């Protein structure tokens, strides 16, 4: 049985974070019983950075003592999205339903779709349905904490989709996905993309990081901790968009936006457990934008931008994932090409982040990282050439490599069920 303290900590984290930084399954107190892991992959190369060596959604059981990922007895190593050509659909982003044994994948290809899987008693996935998401190349998927809607950030088309779910967690096929264009969030005058040049922060360390400032490119979409607003990070616009969310109808409205430094490339974000501090990874600038968040209005205010790279670094690097650690006093972000995990300390009074140190990821081109349900292990996915997931132990606000490597072709994201 979990202790009263564990239950209180889990409740606090759940209300303060949802699946931001700590996934919905992560905030569960440690209990007896198996934990299962699912790794989304790029199975169709298409673009150089995808790799294309995954088999679909790979499935594992977690060794609770070491963090190792092992095959689920009697289950195939991976599950395709649907049909004989499904492995070409790139199920590269995953999300759990907050209340039901359901897993969802965003299939990152031009037409764009989402797939639903049911999680069996033995942890094995079974395909339920696939549905068009209405946008191109969905790069991120999340589920609202009420479990009635899911969202996709559609990178190539620069928009976000809202998809209705039935009571059993399946897609409501009678209701088409509703799409919201990122560029329209600025009102009568469309939001303009940043200049397609090396951002100032990257130039400061003599880097050449540039990417996709030819138009809007939604990279992440997720509800805030209250569930009353939905936020979108758009890399091409160098902005975060905040929409008011109608929990009954699923409608997004009254957008507000905040800009980061031009050409920085807004990518992924996490909230602090207090719901007032917000941390955004800027991909090309390799910086962390710290903002204050007003949960009553959904408005963000930029406070500072801090390098995620060590002092003295020279060259090119691209930032990617970010996660809050369970203590709420630290978070980590990922650096591609530098291939490191940056550990940040949060000022308890102001919320300002300070870079403490870096840790080698033990792989190439880390795309994302996720904590297991106990919060004791951090898993890093390497998709471009590394083809593995590496495991780190989390303890007292720090991380240490466990020695555990898991071979997964073009690993892009990992999600858990317990």
Protein backbone atom coordinates (compact mmCIF):
# COMPACT_ATOMS: atom_id res chain seq x y z
CA UNK A 1 0.00 0.00 0.00
CA UNK A 2 1.29 3.51 -0.77
CA UNK A 3 1.83 5.69 2.27
CA UNK A 4 -0.32 8.73 3.04
CA UNK A 5 2.64 10.92 2.12
CA UNK A 6 2.98 9.20 -1.26
CA UNK A 7 -0.70 9.66 -1.96
CA UNK A 8 -0.58 13.35 -1.04
CA UNK A 9 2.49 13.90 -3.22
CA UNK A 10 0.82 12.10 -6.12
CA UNK A 11 -2.34 14.18 -5.72
CA UNK A 12 -0.37 17.42 -5.64
CA UNK A 13 1.62 16.52 -8.71
CA UNK A 14 -1.48 15.42 -10.60
CA UNK A 15 -3.30 18.68 -9.93
CA UNK A 16 -0.26 20.80 -10.70
CA UNK A 17 1.13 19.07 -13.76
CA UNK A 18 -1.28 16.69 -15.43
CA UNK A 19 0.73 15.19 -18.26
CA UNK A 20 3.01 18.21 -18.60
CA UNK A 21 6.55 17.33 -17.62
CA UNK A 22 5.26 14.42 -15.58
CA UNK A 23 2.91 12.17 -17.52
CA UNK A 24 -0.47 11.21 -16.10
CA UNK A 25 0.89 7.77 -15.23
CA UNK A 26 4.04 9.23 -13.69
CA UNK A 27 2.23 10.88 -10.79
CA UNK A 28 0.69 7.63 -9.58
CA UNK A 29 2.13 6.47 -6.28
CA UNK A 30 4.23 3.33 -6.57
CA UNK A 31 2.06 0.22 -6.21
CA UNK A 32 2.48 -3.51 -6.59
CA UNK A 33 1.95 -4.88 -10.08
CA UNK A 34 3.65 -4.61 -13.45
CA UNK A 35 4.39 -1.40 -15.33
CA UNK A 36 4.36 -1.40 -19.12
CA UNK A 37 6.22 0.87 -21.51
CA UNK A 38 5.37 1.81 -25.11
CA UNK A 39 7.87 3.38 -27.48
CA UNK A 40 6.65 5.32 -30.50
CA UNK A 41 8.96 5.29 -33.52
CA UNK A 42 9.61 6.61 -36.99
CA UNK A 43 8.99 3.70 -39.33
CA UNK A 44 9.11 5.64 -42.61
CA UNK A 45 12.35 7.60 -43.09
CA UNK A 46 11.02 10.19 -45.52
CA UNK A 47 13.18 12.91 -43.98
CA UNK A 48 16.81 12.44 -42.88
CA UNK A 49 16.17 13.13 -39.20
CA UNK A 50 13.43 10.50 -38.90
CA UNK A 51 15.58 7.42 -39.31
CA UNK A 52 12.71 5.17 -40.37
CA UNK A 53 13.85 1.97 -38.65
CA UNK A 54 10.99 1.54 -36.17
CA UNK A 55 8.35 -1.19 -36.41
CA UNK A 56 5.41 0.83 -35.07
CA UNK A 57 4.68 1.09 -31.33
CA UNK A 58 7.14 -1.14 -29.46
CA UNK A 59 5.89 -2.63 -26.17
CA UNK A 60 7.74 -3.69 -23.02
CA UNK A 61 7.36 -4.57 -19.37
CA UNK A 62 9.47 -2.53 -16.93
CA UNK A 63 11.86 -4.06 -14.41
CA UNK A 64 11.02 -1.99 -11.34
CA UNK A 65 14.40 -2.57 -9.70
CA UNK A 66 16.68 -1.60 -12.59
CA UNK A 67 14.43 0.32 -14.98
CA UNK A 68 15.25 -2.14 -17.77
CA UNK A 69 12.68 -2.66 -20.54
CA UNK A 70 11.95 -6.31 -21.30
CA UNK A 71 9.65 -8.10 -23.79
CA UNK A 72 6.05 -8.67 -22.72
CA UNK A 73 5.68 -12.47 -22.48
CA UNK A 74 3.60 -13.80 -25.36
CA UNK A 75 3.21 -10.40 -27.05
CA UNK A 76 4.78 -9.23 -30.32
CA UNK A 77 7.68 -6.78 -29.97
CA UNK A 78 5.73 -4.03 -31.74
CA UNK A 79 2.21 -3.22 -32.90
CA UNK A 80 1.50 -1.46 -36.20
CA UNK A 81 -1.15 1.23 -36.48
CA UNK A 82 -3.41 -0.66 -38.86
CA UNK A 83 -3.21 -2.69 -42.06
CA UNK A 84 -0.27 -4.14 -43.96
CA UNK A 85 1.35 -0.75 -44.68
CA UNK A 86 0.77 0.72 -41.22
CA UNK A 87 4.44 0.66 -40.29
CA UNK A 88 4.93 3.53 -42.72
CA UNK A 89 2.74 5.83 -40.63
CA UNK A 90 5.33 6.98 -38.05
CA UNK A 91 3.51 6.64 -34.68
CA UNK A 92 6.10 8.98 -33.18
CA UNK A 93 4.12 10.68 -30.39
CA UNK A 94 2.08 8.83 -27.76
CA UNK A 95 -0.43 9.75 -25.05
CA UNK A 96 -2.34 7.80 -22.37
CA UNK A 97 -6.00 8.29 -21.61
CA UNK A 98 -6.19 9.72 -18.05
CA UNK A 99 -8.89 7.28 -16.89
CA UNK A 100 -9.13 4.33 -19.29
CA UNK A 101 -6.67 1.63 -20.49
CA UNK A 102 -6.21 3.37 -23.84
CA UNK A 103 -3.11 4.56 -25.68
CA UNK A 104 -3.13 7.01 -28.60
CA UNK A 105 -0.53 7.64 -31.29
CA UNK A 106 -0.08 10.57 -33.66
CA UNK A 107 0.88 9.19 -37.07
CA UNK A 108 3.34 11.68 -38.51
CA UNK A 109 2.86 11.56 -42.26
CA UNK A 110 1.50 14.04 -44.79
CA UNK A 111 -2.18 13.07 -44.62
CA UNK A 112 -1.99 12.90 -40.81
CA UNK A 113 -3.97 10.59 -38.53
CA UNK A 114 -4.32 9.33 -34.98
CA UNK A 115 -4.59 5.71 -33.83
CA UNK A 116 -6.20 4.27 -30.71
CA UNK A 117 -5.04 1.11 -28.92
CA UNK A 118 -6.56 -0.76 -25.99
CA UNK A 119 -4.14 -1.86 -23.27
CA UNK A 120 -4.78 -5.48 -22.31
CA UNK A 121 -4.51 -7.02 -18.86
CA UNK A 122 -1.02 -8.29 -19.78
CA UNK A 123 0.03 -4.86 -21.08
CA UNK A 124 -0.16 -5.85 -24.74
CA UNK A 125 -1.73 -3.38 -27.18
CA UNK A 126 -4.59 -4.15 -29.53
CA UNK A 127 -5.51 -1.80 -32.34
CA UNK A 128 -8.94 -0.14 -32.03
CA UNK A 129 -9.28 2.52 -34.73
CA UNK A 130 -7.60 5.14 -36.87
CA UNK A 131 -8.98 8.58 -37.71
CA UNK A 132 -7.81 11.49 -39.84
CA UNK A 133 -6.65 14.38 -37.68
CA UNK A 134 -7.29 17.08 -40.30
CA UNK A 135 -3.70 18.35 -40.36
CA UNK A 136 -0.38 17.35 -41.89
CA UNK A 137 2.45 15.59 -40.03
CA UNK A 138 1.06 15.60 -36.47
CA UNK A 139 4.18 15.83 -34.29
CA UNK A 140 2.53 15.73 -30.86
CA UNK A 141 -0.56 14.24 -29.25
CA UNK A 142 -2.12 14.80 -25.82
CA UNK A 143 -5.40 14.02 -24.07
CA UNK A 144 -7.37 16.53 -22.03
CA UNK A 145 -7.51 15.54 -18.32
CA UNK A 146 -11.30 15.05 -18.55
CA UNK A 147 -10.71 12.33 -21.16
CA UNK A 148 -13.33 13.66 -23.59
CA UNK A 149 -11.02 15.22 -26.20
CA UNK A 150 -7.54 14.75 -27.57
CA UNK A 151 -5.32 17.25 -29.37
CA UNK A 152 -2.68 17.05 -32.09
CA UNK A 153 -0.05 19.62 -33.06
CA UNK A 154 0.21 19.37 -36.85
CA UNK A 155 3.70 20.46 -37.78
CA UNK A 156 3.60 20.72 -41.58
CA UNK A 157 0.21 22.48 -41.79
CA UNK A 158 0.87 24.77 -38.82
CA UNK A 159 -2.34 24.07 -36.90
CA UNK A 160 -3.85 22.08 -34.05
CA UNK A 161 -6.73 19.60 -34.07
CA UNK A 162 -9.37 18.80 -31.47
CA UNK A 163 -10.79 15.26 -31.70
CA UNK A 164 -13.79 14.06 -29.68
CA UNK A 165 -13.60 10.78 -27.74
CA UNK A 166 -16.44 8.46 -26.79
CA UNK A 167 -17.07 7.30 -23.23
CA UNK A 168 -15.15 4.08 -23.98
CA UNK A 169 -12.10 6.05 -25.18
CA UNK A 170 -12.66 5.37 -28.88
CA UNK A 171 -12.90 8.13 -31.48
CA UNK A 172 -16.30 9.72 -32.00
CA UNK A 173 -16.43 9.02 -35.73
CA UNK A 174 -19.60 11.09 -36.10
CA UNK A 175 -17.66 14.24 -35.29
CA UNK A 176 -14.85 15.37 -37.60
CA UNK A 177 -11.64 16.78 -36.18
CA UNK A 178 -11.82 20.55 -35.73
CA UNK A 179 -8.70 22.40 -36.89
CA UNK A 180 -7.39 25.75 -35.63
CA UNK A 181 -4.75 27.62 -37.64
CA UNK A 182 -1.85 28.94 -35.56
CA UNK A 183 -1.40 32.02 -37.77
CA UNK A 184 -4.97 33.12 -36.99
CA UNK A 185 -4.24 33.37 -33.26
CA UNK A 186 -2.95 36.94 -33.62
CA UNK A 187 -6.32 38.26 -34.77
CA UNK A 188 -7.06 40.25 -37.93
CA UNK A 189 -3.34 40.45 -38.77
CA UNK A 190 -1.95 36.89 -39.07
CA UNK A 191 0.97 35.91 -36.88
CA UNK A 192 4.16 36.21 -38.91
CA UNK A 193 6.91 33.57 -38.89
CA UNK A 194 10.34 34.53 -37.60
CA UNK A 195 13.23 35.12 -39.96
CA UNK A 196 14.82 31.90 -41.26
CA UNK A 197 18.23 32.83 -39.88
CA UNK A 198 20.49 31.61 -37.09
CA UNK A 199 19.07 33.04 -33.82
CA UNK A 200 21.21 35.38 -31.75
CA UNK A 201 21.61 32.83 -28.94
CA UNK A 202 23.04 30.26 -31.38
CA UNK A 203 25.35 32.83 -32.97
CA UNK A 204 26.74 33.55 -29.50
CA UNK A 205 28.30 30.06 -29.45
CA UNK A 206 29.20 30.16 -33.16
CA UNK A 207 26.44 27.75 -34.13
CA UNK A 208 24.41 27.45 -37.33
CA UNK A 209 21.07 26.11 -36.06
CA UNK A 210 18.16 27.10 -38.32
CA UNK A 211 14.90 25.28 -39.04
CA UNK A 212 11.54 25.86 -40.69
CA UNK A 213 10.77 29.54 -40.28
CA UNK A 214 9.00 29.46 -43.64
CA UNK A 215 5.60 29.53 -41.92
CA UNK A 216 3.74 28.28 -38.85
CA UNK A 217 4.77 24.87 -37.46
CA UNK A 218 2.87 23.63 -34.40
CA UNK A 219 5.20 21.44 -32.33
CA UNK A 220 3.33 20.79 -29.07
CA UNK A 221 -0.23 21.15 -27.79
CA UNK A 222 -1.40 20.49 -24.26
CA UNK A 223 -3.90 21.70 -21.68
CA UNK A 224 -2.75 23.75 -18.73
CA UNK A 225 -2.91 22.20 -15.22
CA UNK A 226 -6.45 23.54 -14.65
CA UNK A 227 -7.79 22.06 -17.90
CA UNK A 228 -9.39 25.41 -18.76
CA UNK A 229 -6.83 26.47 -21.36
CA UNK A 230 -4.95 24.73 -24.15
CA UNK A 231 -1.45 25.90 -25.08
CA UNK A 232 0.41 25.50 -28.36
CA UNK A 233 4.14 25.96 -29.04
CA UNK A 234 4.75 27.01 -32.66
CA UNK A 235 8.33 26.73 -33.85
CA UNK A 236 7.92 28.75 -37.05
CA UNK A 237 6.09 31.62 -35.37
CA UNK A 238 8.42 31.73 -32.33
CA UNK A 239 5.31 31.92 -30.16
CA UNK A 240 3.23 30.15 -27.56
CA UNK A 241 -0.52 30.40 -28.14
CA UNK A 242 -3.00 30.05 -25.28
CA UNK A 243 -6.65 29.23 -26.05
CA UNK A 244 -9.59 29.20 -23.68
CA UNK A 245 -11.04 25.67 -23.77
CA UNK A 246 -14.71 24.74 -23.51
CA UNK A 247 -14.69 21.43 -21.63
CA UNK A 248 -18.19 20.52 -22.90
CA UNK A 249 -17.94 21.34 -26.61
CA UNK A 250 -14.16 21.14 -27.11
CA UNK A 251 -14.08 24.59 -28.73
CA UNK A 252 -10.88 26.67 -28.57
CA UNK A 253 -11.40 30.43 -28.38
CA UNK A 254 -10.00 33.80 -27.25
CA UNK A 255 -6.35 33.11 -28.15
CA UNK A 256 -3.54 35.10 -26.61
CA UNK A 257 0.08 34.79 -27.68
CA UNK A 258 3.55 35.48 -26.32
CA UNK A 259 6.65 35.71 -28.48
CA UNK A 260 10.15 34.49 -27.71
CA UNK A 261 13.33 35.79 -29.35
CA UNK A 262 13.13 35.78 -33.14
CA UNK A 263 14.16 32.55 -34.88
CA UNK A 264 14.48 30.75 -31.52
CA UNK A 265 12.03 27.99 -32.48
CA UNK A 266 9.47 27.40 -29.68
CA UNK A 267 9.21 23.61 -29.29
CA UNK A 268 8.11 21.91 -26.00
CA UNK A 269 7.09 23.14 -22.55
CA UNK A 270 6.35 22.11 -18.96
CA UNK A 271 4.58 23.73 -16.03
CA UNK A 272 5.92 23.89 -12.50
CA UNK A 273 3.72 22.05 -9.93
CA UNK A 274 2.52 25.44 -8.63
CA UNK A 275 0.89 26.09 -12.01
CA UNK A 276 2.37 29.60 -12.13
CA UNK A 277 5.78 28.99 -13.73
CA UNK A 278 6.21 27.82 -17.30
CA UNK A 279 9.38 26.59 -19.03
CA UNK A 280 9.72 26.42 -22.83
CA UNK A 281 12.48 24.80 -24.89
CA UNK A 282 13.58 26.88 -27.88
CA UNK A 283 14.96 24.43 -30.44
CA UNK A 284 17.27 26.53 -32.61
CA UNK A 285 18.41 28.91 -29.87
CA UNK A 286 19.04 26.04 -27.42
CA UNK A 287 17.52 28.15 -24.66
CA UNK A 288 14.90 27.80 -21.93
CA UNK A 289 12.30 30.57 -21.92
CA UNK A 290 10.96 31.11 -18.40
CA UNK A 291 7.48 32.64 -18.21
CA UNK A 292 4.90 33.47 -15.58
CA UNK A 293 1.42 32.06 -16.14
CA UNK A 294 -1.93 33.51 -15.07
CA UNK A 295 -4.26 30.52 -14.72
CA UNK A 296 -7.35 32.76 -14.59
CA UNK A 297 -6.72 34.31 -18.01
CA UNK A 298 -4.32 31.86 -19.68
CA UNK A 299 -1.87 34.70 -20.32
CA UNK A 300 1.89 34.06 -20.33
CA UNK A 301 4.52 36.71 -19.62
CA UNK A 302 8.11 36.17 -20.72
CA UNK A 303 10.65 36.70 -17.93
CA UNK A 304 13.98 35.39 -19.24
CA UNK A 305 15.77 33.13 -21.70
CA UNK A 306 18.65 30.96 -20.44
CA UNK A 307 21.10 28.85 -22.43
CA UNK A 308 20.67 25.09 -22.14
CA UNK A 309 24.27 24.52 -23.24
CA UNK A 310 27.39 24.60 -21.05
CA UNK A 311 29.48 27.73 -20.77
CA UNK A 312 32.22 27.68 -23.37
CA UNK A 313 30.39 25.40 -25.83
CA UNK A 314 31.07 26.20 -29.48
CA UNK A 315 29.19 24.85 -32.48
CA UNK A 316 25.69 23.78 -33.48
CA UNK A 317 23.10 22.05 -31.32
CA UNK A 318 19.30 21.70 -31.37
CA UNK A 319 17.26 21.50 -28.14
CA UNK A 320 14.32 19.08 -27.97
CA UNK A 321 12.53 17.56 -24.95
CA UNK A 322 11.88 18.84 -21.44
CA UNK A 323 10.59 17.22 -18.22
CA UNK A 324 9.96 18.38 -14.66
CA UNK A 325 11.57 16.11 -12.05
CA UNK A 326 9.38 14.76 -9.22
CA UNK A 327 10.83 17.07 -6.55
CA UNK A 328 9.47 20.14 -8.39
CA UNK A 329 12.81 21.84 -7.77
CA UNK A 330 14.58 20.65 -10.93
CA UNK A 331 13.85 19.96 -14.56
CA UNK A 332 15.81 18.49 -17.45
CA UNK A 333 16.02 19.36 -21.14
CA UNK A 334 17.67 17.60 -24.08
CA UNK A 335 20.33 18.79 -26.52
CA UNK A 336 20.77 17.14 -29.94
CA UNK A 337 24.25 17.09 -31.51
CA UNK A 338 25.64 18.02 -28.10
CA UNK A 339 23.74 14.81 -27.11
CA UNK A 340 23.28 15.76 -23.50
CA UNK A 341 20.73 16.18 -20.73
CA UNK A 342 20.79 19.61 -19.12
CA UNK A 343 19.85 19.64 -15.44
CA UNK A 344 18.30 22.90 -14.16
CA UNK A 345 17.66 24.07 -10.60
CA UNK A 346 14.56 26.21 -9.98
CA UNK A 347 14.75 29.19 -7.63
CA UNK A 348 12.10 28.47 -4.99
CA UNK A 349 11.23 32.15 -4.62
CA UNK A 350 11.27 33.45 -8.21
CA UNK A 351 11.01 30.32 -10.37
CA UNK A 352 14.08 31.34 -12.38
CA UNK A 353 16.05 28.37 -13.78
CA UNK A 354 19.81 27.92 -13.38
CA UNK A 355 21.81 25.36 -15.36
CA UNK A 356 23.53 23.00 -12.91
CA UNK A 357 25.28 20.51 -15.17
CA UNK A 358 25.01 18.27 -18.24
CA UNK A 359 24.90 14.49 -18.55
CA UNK A 360 25.72 12.53 -21.71
CA UNK A 361 22.58 10.80 -23.03
CA UNK A 362 24.52 7.67 -24.13
CA UNK A 363 22.97 7.94 -27.58
CA UNK A 364 22.69 10.09 -30.70
CA UNK A 365 20.18 12.86 -31.31
CA UNK A 366 17.86 12.59 -28.26
CA UNK A 367 14.31 13.54 -29.23
CA UNK A 368 12.32 13.14 -26.01
CA UNK A 369 12.48 11.98 -22.40
CA UNK A 370 9.84 10.67 -19.99
CA UNK A 371 9.66 9.54 -16.36
CA UNK A 372 8.27 6.15 -15.35
CA UNK A 373 5.20 5.99 -13.04
CA UNK A 374 7.35 5.82 -9.91
CA UNK A 375 9.36 8.91 -10.90
CA UNK A 376 12.55 6.95 -10.17
CA UNK A 377 13.69 6.47 -13.79
CA UNK A 378 14.12 8.82 -16.74
CA UNK A 379 14.01 7.33 -20.25
CA UNK A 380 15.65 9.09 -23.21
CA UNK A 381 14.66 8.23 -26.80
CA UNK A 382 17.17 8.59 -29.64
CA UNK A 383 15.64 8.57 -33.12
CA UNK A 384 18.05 9.80 -35.79
CA UNK A 385 20.98 7.39 -35.60
CA UNK A 386 21.14 6.15 -32.01
CA UNK A 387 18.21 3.70 -32.33
CA UNK A 388 17.91 3.18 -28.60
CA UNK A 389 16.34 4.19 -25.32
CA UNK A 390 18.69 4.87 -22.40
CA UNK A 391 17.70 4.74 -18.73
CA UNK A 392 18.73 7.10 -15.91
CA UNK A 393 17.99 6.85 -12.21
CA UNK A 394 16.41 9.94 -10.65
CA UNK A 395 17.29 10.67 -7.04
CA UNK A 396 17.35 13.83 -4.93
CA UNK A 397 17.02 16.14 -7.91
CA UNK A 398 19.82 14.52 -9.89
CA UNK A 399 20.18 11.83 -12.55
CA UNK A 400 22.63 8.96 -13.02
CA UNK A 401 22.96 6.50 -15.90
CA UNK A 402 21.88 2.99 -14.91
CA UNK A 403 23.88 1.18 -17.58
CA UNK A 404 20.61 0.11 -19.24
CA UNK A 405 20.32 0.42 -23.04
CA UNK A 406 17.26 -0.75 -24.99
CA UNK A 407 17.53 -1.19 -28.75
CA UNK A 408 14.57 0.41 -30.56
CA UNK A 409 14.88 1.58 -34.16
CA UNK A 410 14.24 5.32 -34.56
CA UNK A 411 12.83 5.67 -31.02
CA UNK A 412 10.89 8.93 -30.74
CA UNK A 413 8.75 8.88 -27.58
CA UNK A 414 7.88 6.66 -24.62
CA UNK A 415 4.70 6.36 -22.55
CA UNK A 416 3.78 4.13 -19.60
CA UNK A 417 0.84 2.23 -18.15
CA UNK A 418 0.47 0.65 -14.72
